[in-house]
C-alpha cells in the first residue's frame, strides 16, 4: 500500500513551554504564569503555550495514519533542540517533507524511520519534534498496512516476543503535588508523584528540608488513603538539579542528604531524578557517577535517575556504559524518531540499567498512545502517564491504551481475532 497524501495540521500540546534557565534563576509566579524576562533563545515569555503539529498520512485504502510532532516542556535547555513553533515548521513540512511522503510505498517501519532520521537539509537534521511526529505516523501506517497493532509491529521488527504484560506507570503531579497524590493513591498508581521540585526556596528548601517534609507527608498520605496494606508505590521525585544548586556538588554531602530522604521514605523505594545539573554532558556523567558511587559506599538504597544532558540514543548509551546512575529517563520527544525509544530501552535492559520510558507533560494524546505501544512491545521498566499535568487525563490515556493493547494481543494469541 502507498501513502496517497500527506496533510499537516497545527495544534496545541497538553501543557506549556517553560524557560528552565529563567525559572532556575528565580523567576517568580503570578498565578499560572511566570514573572521576569526569558533567558533561553526563542522564548517570548518564561511560560508560553505549547504547540504541536499533526502529520496525517492518507493511505490508498482511505485509512489515516497520524503522528504528532511535539517537544518537551523545557525546550532549548539541557542540550536539547531549540523551541518548537508550529508557525515555523508548517511551511517547511509542506515544502520539503510532503514530496518525500506522497506516493511512497509503505515499507518496514525501521526502514522508513531510519530514512527520515538521517535526513538533512542545508547540513542540518530535522528538529527532534519533527522526527518524533513523522516516525509515529510511519509506525501507524505500517500497522494499518499489516493490519496489526503498532505494538505488534515494533515487537516483530525488534525480535521481541510480543505485548503480553503491563508496564508500571509513573504518575506526575505537576505543581498540584498534594491533591494529585490523593488521586494517584486512589487509582493505585505504581510510581508517584514526580513532584516538579524545580525551585529551591519554594519546593526544596535551602538545606533540602522542604523536600524531606514532603517525602514524609507522602508516606503518611499513602498509609492514610490506601485500600490495601500491600499497596506500596515507589517514590520517584524529579528535582531538576536543585539539590546540587542548594547543597553544592560534593558527592558525599549529596549522598548524606539522600540517605536522610531514604529514611523519610519509610521503606518505599526512592528514586531521585536529576539531583544535579552541571550544564555539560561529560561533567554530568562524572558527577552523577560520583554520587552513585557515594551512595553505594554508604549502603544507601536511593536510586539516581539521569535526565538532563541524556537526550539522544548516543547519550543514553554513554550514560549507561559509564554506570553513572541506576535508571535512565528515556525522554521520548528528545530522541527524535520513536525507533530510538525502542532501541534505547533494549540497550539499557541488556546492560542492567533500568529503562524509564518518560517524555513530557507537553505531549499530545496521539504521541502518548504511540509511546505506550513501544513501551509494551520492548518491556520498558517504567512508563510515564502523559500528557498534561492534571494526572487523571494522562493516566487514562496511557493506562487504557495499554489495556487495549494487551486485550487485543491476547485475543490474537488465543485465535479469537485475526
Protein backbone atom coordinates (compact mmCIF):
# COMPACT_ATOMS: atom_id res chain seq x y z
CA UNK A 1 0.00 0.00 0.00
CA UNK A 2 1.10 3.56 -0.70
CA UNK A 3 0.78 6.92 1.03
CA UNK A 4 -1.65 8.86 -1.11
CA UNK A 5 -1.49 12.24 0.58
CA UNK A 6 0.32 13.96 3.47
CA UNK A 7 -1.62 16.61 5.37
CA UNK A 8 -0.24 18.71 8.22
CA UNK A 9 -2.32 20.45 10.87
CA UNK A 10 -1.28 22.72 13.74
CA UNK A 11 -2.36 22.04 17.29
CA UNK A 12 -1.71 22.65 20.96
CA UNK A 13 0.19 20.30 23.19
CA UNK A 14 -1.17 19.37 26.61
CA UNK A 15 0.98 21.78 28.63
CA UNK A 16 3.36 24.70 28.12
CA UNK A 17 6.90 25.57 27.11
CA UNK A 18 8.84 26.84 30.13
CA UNK A 19 12.21 28.60 30.12
CA UNK A 20 14.03 26.35 32.58
CA UNK A 21 17.06 28.59 32.92
CA UNK A 22 14.88 31.58 33.82
CA UNK A 23 12.99 29.52 36.40
CA UNK A 24 16.22 28.26 37.97
CA UNK A 25 17.43 31.86 38.10
CA UNK A 26 14.46 32.72 40.31
CA UNK A 27 11.54 33.72 38.05
CA UNK A 28 8.55 34.24 40.32
CA UNK A 29 4.90 33.26 39.88
CA UNK A 30 1.94 35.43 39.01
CA UNK A 31 -0.95 32.99 39.08
CA UNK A 32 -0.21 30.34 36.47
CA UNK A 33 2.39 32.36 34.57
CA UNK A 34 5.97 33.19 35.50
CA UNK A 35 7.32 36.69 36.00
CA UNK A 36 10.55 38.02 34.58
CA UNK A 37 12.45 38.03 31.32
CA UNK A 38 13.14 34.82 29.37
CA UNK A 39 16.75 33.70 29.08
CA UNK A 40 16.66 30.81 26.57
CA UNK A 41 16.68 31.84 22.88
CA UNK A 42 13.30 31.66 21.12
CA UNK A 43 11.17 32.29 24.21
CA UNK A 44 8.95 35.37 24.23
CA UNK A 45 7.98 34.81 27.87
CA UNK A 46 9.12 32.46 30.62
CA UNK A 47 5.98 30.36 30.11
CA UNK A 48 4.15 30.15 26.79
CA UNK A 49 1.58 27.84 25.22
CA UNK A 50 2.89 24.51 23.97
CA UNK A 51 2.42 23.75 20.29
CA UNK A 52 2.23 20.63 18.15
CA UNK A 53 1.86 19.67 14.51
CA UNK A 54 -0.03 16.57 13.36
CA UNK A 55 1.32 14.51 10.48
CA UNK A 56 -1.72 12.93 8.79
CA UNK A 57 -0.94 10.30 6.16
CA UNK A 58 -3.91 9.33 3.99
CA UNK A 59 -3.33 5.84 2.67
CA UNK A 60 -4.61 4.26 -0.54
CA UNK A 61 -7.40 2.40 1.26
CA UNK A 62 -8.67 5.64 2.84
CA UNK A 63 -7.31 4.95 6.31
CA UNK A 64 -5.33 7.70 8.05
CA UNK A 65 -2.08 7.27 9.97
CA UNK A 66 -1.36 10.03 12.46
CA UNK A 67 1.68 11.18 14.40
CA UNK A 68 2.18 14.33 16.45
CA UNK A 69 5.28 16.50 16.40
CA UNK A 70 5.83 17.69 19.97
CA UNK A 71 8.67 18.87 22.17
CA UNK A 72 9.41 18.82 25.88
CA UNK A 73 8.29 21.44 28.37
CA UNK A 74 11.87 22.63 28.95
CA UNK A 75 12.80 23.02 25.29
CA UNK A 76 16.10 24.64 24.44
CA UNK A 77 17.71 23.59 27.75
CA UNK A 78 19.99 20.73 28.75
CA UNK A 79 21.43 20.29 25.25
CA UNK A 80 18.06 20.00 23.53
CA UNK A 81 16.90 21.36 20.19
CA UNK A 82 15.53 24.92 20.21
CA UNK A 83 11.95 25.92 20.92
CA UNK A 84 9.46 24.19 18.59
CA UNK A 85 6.95 26.53 16.97
CA UNK A 86 4.30 25.29 14.53
CA UNK A 87 4.23 28.55 12.55
CA UNK A 88 7.85 27.97 11.55
CA UNK A 89 7.60 24.22 10.99
CA UNK A 90 4.40 24.01 8.91
CA UNK A 91 5.80 25.73 5.78
CA UNK A 92 8.92 23.57 5.95
CA UNK A 93 6.86 20.38 6.17
CA UNK A 94 4.75 21.40 3.20
CA UNK A 95 7.72 22.35 1.06
CA UNK A 96 10.35 19.75 1.94
CA UNK A 97 8.71 16.75 3.63
CA UNK A 98 5.38 16.31 1.85
CA UNK A 99 7.01 15.40 -1.52
CA UNK A 100 9.04 12.70 0.23
CA UNK A 101 5.93 11.08 1.67
CA UNK A 102 3.32 11.21 -1.06
CA UNK A 103 3.34 8.25 -3.42
CA UNK A 104 5.84 6.19 -1.44
CA UNK A 105 5.18 2.52 -0.73
CA UNK A 106 4.87 1.59 2.92
CA UNK A 107 7.92 -0.43 3.94
CA UNK A 108 9.04 -1.95 7.25
CA UNK A 109 8.85 0.69 9.95
CA UNK A 110 12.54 0.64 10.82
CA UNK A 111 13.49 1.20 7.19
CA UNK A 112 11.24 4.23 6.78
CA UNK A 113 12.11 5.70 10.18
CA UNK A 114 15.85 5.41 9.53
CA UNK A 115 15.49 7.33 6.27
CA UNK A 116 13.92 10.36 7.93
CA UNK A 117 16.16 10.10 10.99
CA UNK A 118 19.20 10.62 8.81
CA UNK A 119 17.66 13.24 6.53
CA UNK A 120 19.46 16.58 6.35
CA UNK A 121 18.63 19.92 4.77
CA UNK A 122 21.35 22.54 4.46
CA UNK A 123 23.59 20.39 6.63
CA UNK A 124 21.10 20.16 9.49
CA UNK A 125 18.98 17.26 10.66
CA UNK A 126 15.27 17.62 11.16
CA UNK A 127 14.18 19.07 14.51
CA UNK A 128 13.68 16.32 17.07
CA UNK A 129 9.96 17.16 17.27
CA UNK A 130 9.56 16.66 13.52
CA UNK A 131 11.36 13.31 13.57
CA UNK A 132 9.21 12.32 16.54
CA UNK A 133 5.92 13.04 14.77
CA UNK A 134 6.92 11.65 11.39
CA UNK A 135 8.06 8.35 12.89
CA UNK A 136 4.81 7.94 14.83
CA UNK A 137 2.82 8.40 11.63
CA UNK A 138 5.05 5.95 9.74
CA UNK A 139 4.68 3.37 12.51
CA UNK A 140 0.90 3.69 12.39
CA UNK A 141 0.95 3.47 8.59
CA UNK A 142 2.93 0.23 8.77
CA UNK A 143 0.50 -1.13 11.38
CA UNK A 144 -2.50 -0.24 9.21
CA UNK A 145 -0.85 -1.80 6.16
CA UNK A 146 -0.11 -5.01 8.09
CA UNK A 147 -3.46 -4.91 9.94
CA UNK A 148 -1.61 -5.23 13.23
CA UNK A 149 -1.23 -3.21 16.38
CA UNK A 150 1.67 -0.75 16.47
CA UNK A 151 3.00 -2.72 19.45
CA UNK A 152 2.94 -5.92 17.39
CA UNK A 153 4.86 -4.22 14.57
CA UNK A 154 7.53 -2.96 16.99
CA UNK A 155 7.84 -6.33 18.72
CA UNK A 156 8.19 -8.12 15.40
CA UNK A 157 10.77 -5.76 13.94
CA UNK A 158 12.88 -5.78 17.11
CA UNK A 159 12.69 -9.52 17.68
CA UNK A 160 10.57 -9.35 20.83
CA UNK A 161 8.01 -11.91 21.95
CA UNK A 162 5.04 -9.57 21.63
CA UNK A 163 2.95 -7.49 24.03
CA UNK A 164 1.86 -9.68 26.93
CA UNK A 165 2.39 -7.79 30.22
CA UNK A 166 1.74 -4.41 31.79
CA UNK A 167 4.48 -1.84 32.20
CA UNK A 168 4.37 0.03 35.55
CA UNK A 169 3.00 3.57 35.16
CA UNK A 170 4.51 6.67 36.76
CA UNK A 171 2.09 9.49 37.65
CA UNK A 172 3.22 13.13 37.52
CA UNK A 173 1.64 15.68 39.82
CA UNK A 174 2.76 18.98 38.40
CA UNK A 175 2.68 21.81 40.92
CA UNK A 176 -0.50 20.36 42.43
CA UNK A 177 1.70 17.92 44.34
CA UNK A 178 -0.72 17.25 47.18
CA UNK A 179 -4.19 16.87 45.68
CA UNK A 180 -2.86 14.93 42.68
CA UNK A 181 -1.11 12.50 45.00
CA UNK A 182 -4.50 11.73 46.55
CA UNK A 183 -5.78 10.89 43.06
CA UNK A 184 -2.79 8.67 42.38
CA UNK A 185 -3.29 6.72 45.59
CA UNK A 186 -6.99 6.19 44.86
CA UNK A 187 -6.08 4.74 41.45
CA UNK A 188 -3.17 2.77 42.92
CA UNK A 189 -0.55 4.16 40.57
CA UNK A 190 2.64 2.09 40.53
CA UNK A 191 5.05 5.01 40.96
CA UNK A 192 4.42 8.57 42.21
CA UNK A 193 4.48 11.61 42.36
CA UNK A 194 7.24 13.26 40.21
CA UNK A 195 6.67 16.38 42.30
CA UNK A 196 8.15 19.05 40.00
CA UNK A 197 10.76 20.19 42.53
CA UNK A 198 12.21 22.90 40.30
CA UNK A 199 12.65 25.81 42.73
CA UNK A 200 14.97 25.83 45.74
CA UNK A 201 13.22 28.28 48.04
CA UNK A 202 9.65 27.25 47.25
CA UNK A 203 9.97 23.48 46.95
CA UNK A 204 13.35 22.08 48.04
CA UNK A 205 14.50 24.32 50.86
CA UNK A 206 17.99 25.72 51.20
CA UNK A 207 19.00 22.66 53.26
CA UNK A 208 16.60 20.32 51.48
CA UNK A 209 14.22 20.46 54.41
CA UNK A 210 11.07 21.19 52.39
CA UNK A 211 11.57 18.14 50.16
CA UNK A 212 12.21 15.97 53.23
CA UNK A 213 8.96 17.18 54.77
CA UNK A 214 7.16 16.40 51.51
CA UNK A 215 8.55 12.85 51.41
CA UNK A 216 7.39 12.32 55.00
CA UNK A 217 3.95 13.62 54.02
CA UNK A 218 3.83 11.22 51.05
CA UNK A 219 4.39 8.24 53.32
CA UNK A 220 1.70 9.36 55.76
CA UNK A 221 -0.76 10.05 52.96
CA UNK A 222 -0.28 6.67 51.31
CA UNK A 223 -0.93 4.93 54.63
CA UNK A 224 -4.00 7.06 55.27
CA UNK A 225 -5.67 6.58 51.86
CA UNK A 226 -4.63 3.16 50.60
CA UNK A 227 -7.34 0.50 50.46
CA UNK A 228 -5.00 -2.46 50.95
CA UNK A 229 -1.93 -2.94 53.10
CA UNK A 230 0.27 -4.22 50.27
CA UNK A 231 -0.08 -1.06 48.15
CA UNK A 232 3.44 0.38 48.43
CA UNK A 233 4.21 2.51 45.36
CA UNK A 234 7.76 3.53 44.55
CA UNK A 235 8.51 7.20 45.19
CA UNK A 236 10.13 8.96 42.25
CA UNK A 237 10.89 12.67 42.55
CA UNK A 238 12.36 14.94 39.88
CA UNK A 239 14.42 17.71 41.47
CA UNK A 240 15.76 19.43 38.30
CA UNK A 241 19.28 19.85 39.66
CA UNK A 242 18.15 21.85 42.69
CA UNK A 243 19.88 19.57 45.22
CA UNK A 244 23.26 20.35 43.70
CA UNK A 245 22.38 24.02 43.38
CA UNK A 246 21.40 24.24 47.05
CA UNK A 247 23.88 21.91 48.73
CA UNK A 248 26.83 22.08 46.35
CA UNK A 249 28.34 19.36 44.18
CA UNK A 250 30.23 17.37 46.82
CA UNK A 251 29.08 13.74 46.24
CA UNK A 252 29.42 12.90 49.93
CA UNK A 253 27.23 15.81 51.03
CA UNK A 254 24.57 14.91 48.47
CA UNK A 255 24.71 11.22 49.45
CA UNK A 256 24.27 12.14 53.13
CA UNK A 257 21.19 14.19 52.26
CA UNK A 258 19.73 11.43 50.08
CA UNK A 259 20.26 8.96 52.93
CA UNK A 260 18.09 11.20 55.10
CA UNK A 261 15.44 11.20 52.37
CA UNK A 262 15.61 7.41 52.23
CA UNK A 263 14.87 7.26 55.95
CA UNK A 264 11.99 9.68 55.46
CA UNK A 265 10.62 7.40 52.70
CA UNK A 266 9.73 4.81 55.33
CA UNK A 267 10.58 1.70 53.34
CA UNK A 268 9.25 2.88 49.99
CA UNK A 269 11.84 2.53 47.24
CA UNK A 270 13.05 6.05 46.44
CA UNK A 271 14.25 7.34 43.06
CA UNK A 272 15.72 10.84 42.71
CA UNK A 273 15.81 12.22 39.18
CA UNK A 274 18.34 14.87 38.19
CA UNK A 275 19.94 15.66 41.58
CA UNK A 276 22.43 17.95 39.82
CA UNK A 277 22.69 19.77 36.52
CA UNK A 278 26.23 20.89 35.71
CA UNK A 279 25.36 22.22 32.24
CA UNK A 280 27.61 19.85 30.24
CA UNK A 281 27.26 16.19 29.32
CA UNK A 282 30.70 14.89 30.29
CA UNK A 283 30.67 16.62 33.66
CA UNK A 284 27.07 15.48 34.22
CA UNK A 285 28.11 11.85 33.74
CA UNK A 286 31.09 12.25 36.08
CA UNK A 287 29.09 14.00 38.77
CA UNK A 288 26.18 11.55 38.72
CA UNK A 289 28.61 8.63 38.79
CA UNK A 290 30.37 10.09 41.83
CA UNK A 291 27.03 10.47 43.62
CA UNK A 292 26.01 6.93 42.67
CA UNK A 293 29.28 5.56 44.00
CA UNK A 294 28.97 7.58 47.21
CA UNK A 295 25.51 6.13 47.78
CA UNK A 296 26.83 2.63 47.21
CA UNK A 297 29.66 3.21 49.67
CA UNK A 298 27.15 4.34 52.31
CA UNK A 299 24.91 1.35 51.69
CA UNK A 300 22.13 3.75 50.73
CA UNK A 301 19.38 2.32 48.53
CA UNK A 302 18.28 5.59 46.87
CA UNK A 303 18.30 5.23 43.07
CA UNK A 304 19.68 8.00 40.87
CA UNK A 305 17.85 8.76 37.60
CA UNK A 306 19.60 10.53 34.72
CA UNK A 307 17.62 13.14 32.79
CA UNK A 308 19.38 16.39 31.82
CA UNK A 309 22.07 16.03 29.12
CA UNK A 310 20.88 12.49 28.43
CA UNK A 311 18.79 13.26 25.38
CA UNK A 312 19.80 11.18 22.37
CA UNK A 313 20.33 7.47 21.78
CA UNK A 314 24.08 8.13 21.85
CA UNK A 315 23.73 9.99 25.17
CA UNK A 316 21.75 7.13 26.66
CA UNK A 317 24.44 4.67 25.63
CA UNK A 318 27.15 6.87 27.15
CA UNK A 319 25.34 7.32 30.49
CA UNK A 320 24.55 3.60 30.61
CA UNK A 321 28.05 2.42 29.73
CA UNK A 322 29.59 4.71 32.35
CA UNK A 323 27.39 3.37 35.14
CA UNK A 324 26.52 6.96 36.02
CA UNK A 325 23.17 6.10 37.58
CA UNK A 326 20.64 3.39 38.34
CA UNK A 327 17.94 4.41 35.86
CA UNK A 328 17.83 6.35 32.60
CA UNK A 329 14.89 8.55 31.72
CA UNK A 330 14.34 7.98 28.00
CA UNK A 331 12.76 11.36 27.32
CA UNK A 332 10.81 10.35 24.27
CA UNK A 333 10.48 13.60 22.24
CA UNK A 334 14.20 14.35 22.72
CA UNK A 335 15.22 11.20 20.86
CA UNK A 336 13.68 12.18 17.53
CA UNK A 337 12.29 9.10 15.80
CA UNK A 338 10.36 6.73 18.05
CA UNK A 339 12.52 3.83 16.83
CA UNK A 340 15.21 5.33 19.06
CA UNK A 341 12.93 4.80 22.06
CA UNK A 342 12.75 1.08 21.39
CA UNK A 343 16.48 0.85 20.80
CA UNK A 344 17.23 2.83 23.97
CA UNK A 345 15.05 0.61 26.16
CA UNK A 346 16.60 -2.54 24.74
CA UNK A 347 20.13 -1.15 25.15
CA UNK A 348 19.55 -0.26 28.80
CA UNK A 349 17.92 -3.55 29.70
CA UNK A 350 20.66 -5.60 28.05
CA UNK A 351 23.20 -3.88 30.34
CA UNK A 352 21.33 -3.98 33.62
CA UNK A 353 20.24 -0.34 33.55
CA UNK A 354 16.62 0.39 34.47
CA UNK A 355 14.81 1.91 31.49
CA UNK A 356 12.21 4.54 32.32
CA UNK A 357 10.35 5.47 29.14
CA UNK A 358 9.39 9.00 30.04
CA UNK A 359 8.56 12.02 27.97
CA UNK A 360 6.94 15.26 28.93
CA UNK A 361 3.64 16.72 30.08
CA UNK A 362 3.86 18.80 26.91
CA UNK A 363 2.98 15.97 24.50
CA UNK A 364 -0.39 15.05 22.97
CA UNK A 365 -2.81 12.15 23.21
CA UNK A 366 -1.51 10.80 19.89
CA UNK A 367 2.16 10.76 20.88
CA UNK A 368 1.33 9.34 24.31
CA UNK A 369 -0.56 6.39 22.82
CA UNK A 370 2.21 5.67 20.34
CA UNK A 371 4.69 5.58 23.21
CA UNK A 372 2.56 3.07 25.10
CA UNK A 373 2.77 0.68 22.15
CA UNK A 374 6.56 0.91 22.20
CA UNK A 375 6.83 0.54 25.98
CA UNK A 376 4.72 -2.63 25.99
CA UNK A 377 6.47 -4.07 22.92
CA UNK A 378 10.01 -3.76 24.34
CA UNK A 379 9.07 -4.13 28.02
CA UNK A 380 10.28 -0.86 29.49
CA UNK A 381 10.72 -0.92 33.28
CA UNK A 382 8.52 2.15 33.72
CA UNK A 383 6.44 4.46 31.55
CA UNK A 384 5.08 7.93 32.18
CA UNK A 385 1.41 8.88 32.47
CA UNK A 386 1.16 11.68 29.92
CA UNK A 387 0.33 14.21 28.59
CA UNK A 388 -0.69 17.12 30.79
CA UNK A 389 -0.22 17.92 34.47
CA UNK A 390 -3.73 17.07 35.68
CA UNK A 391 -2.76 13.41 36.22
CA UNK A 392 -6.18 11.84 35.53
CA UNK A 393 -6.20 12.64 31.81
CA UNK A 394 -2.70 11.35 31.12
CA UNK A 395 -3.18 8.28 33.29
CA UNK A 396 -6.43 7.45 31.47
CA UNK A 397 -4.77 7.76 28.06
CA UNK A 398 -1.75 5.62 28.95
CA UNK A 399 -3.44 3.03 31.17
CA UNK A 400 -6.41 2.44 28.90
CA UNK A 401 -4.31 2.21 25.74
CA UNK A 402 -2.11 -0.34 27.49
CA UNK A 403 -5.14 -2.42 28.48
CA UNK A 404 -6.46 -2.32 24.90
CA UNK A 405 -3.13 -3.49 23.50
CA UNK A 406 -2.88 -6.37 25.93
CA UNK A 407 -6.50 -7.45 25.42
CA UNK A 408 -6.25 -7.47 21.61
CA UNK A 409 -2.84 -9.15 21.61
CA UNK A 410 -4.13 -11.86 23.97
CA UNK A 411 -7.19 -12.44 21.76
CA UNK A 412 -4.91 -12.83 18.72
CA UNK A 413 -2.74 -15.38 20.55
CA UNK A 414 -5.85 -17.32 21.54
CA UNK A 415 -7.16 -17.26 17.98
CA UNK A 416 -10.16 -15.05 18.66
CA UNK A 417 -9.06 -12.12 16.49
CA UNK A 418 -7.45 -12.22 13.06
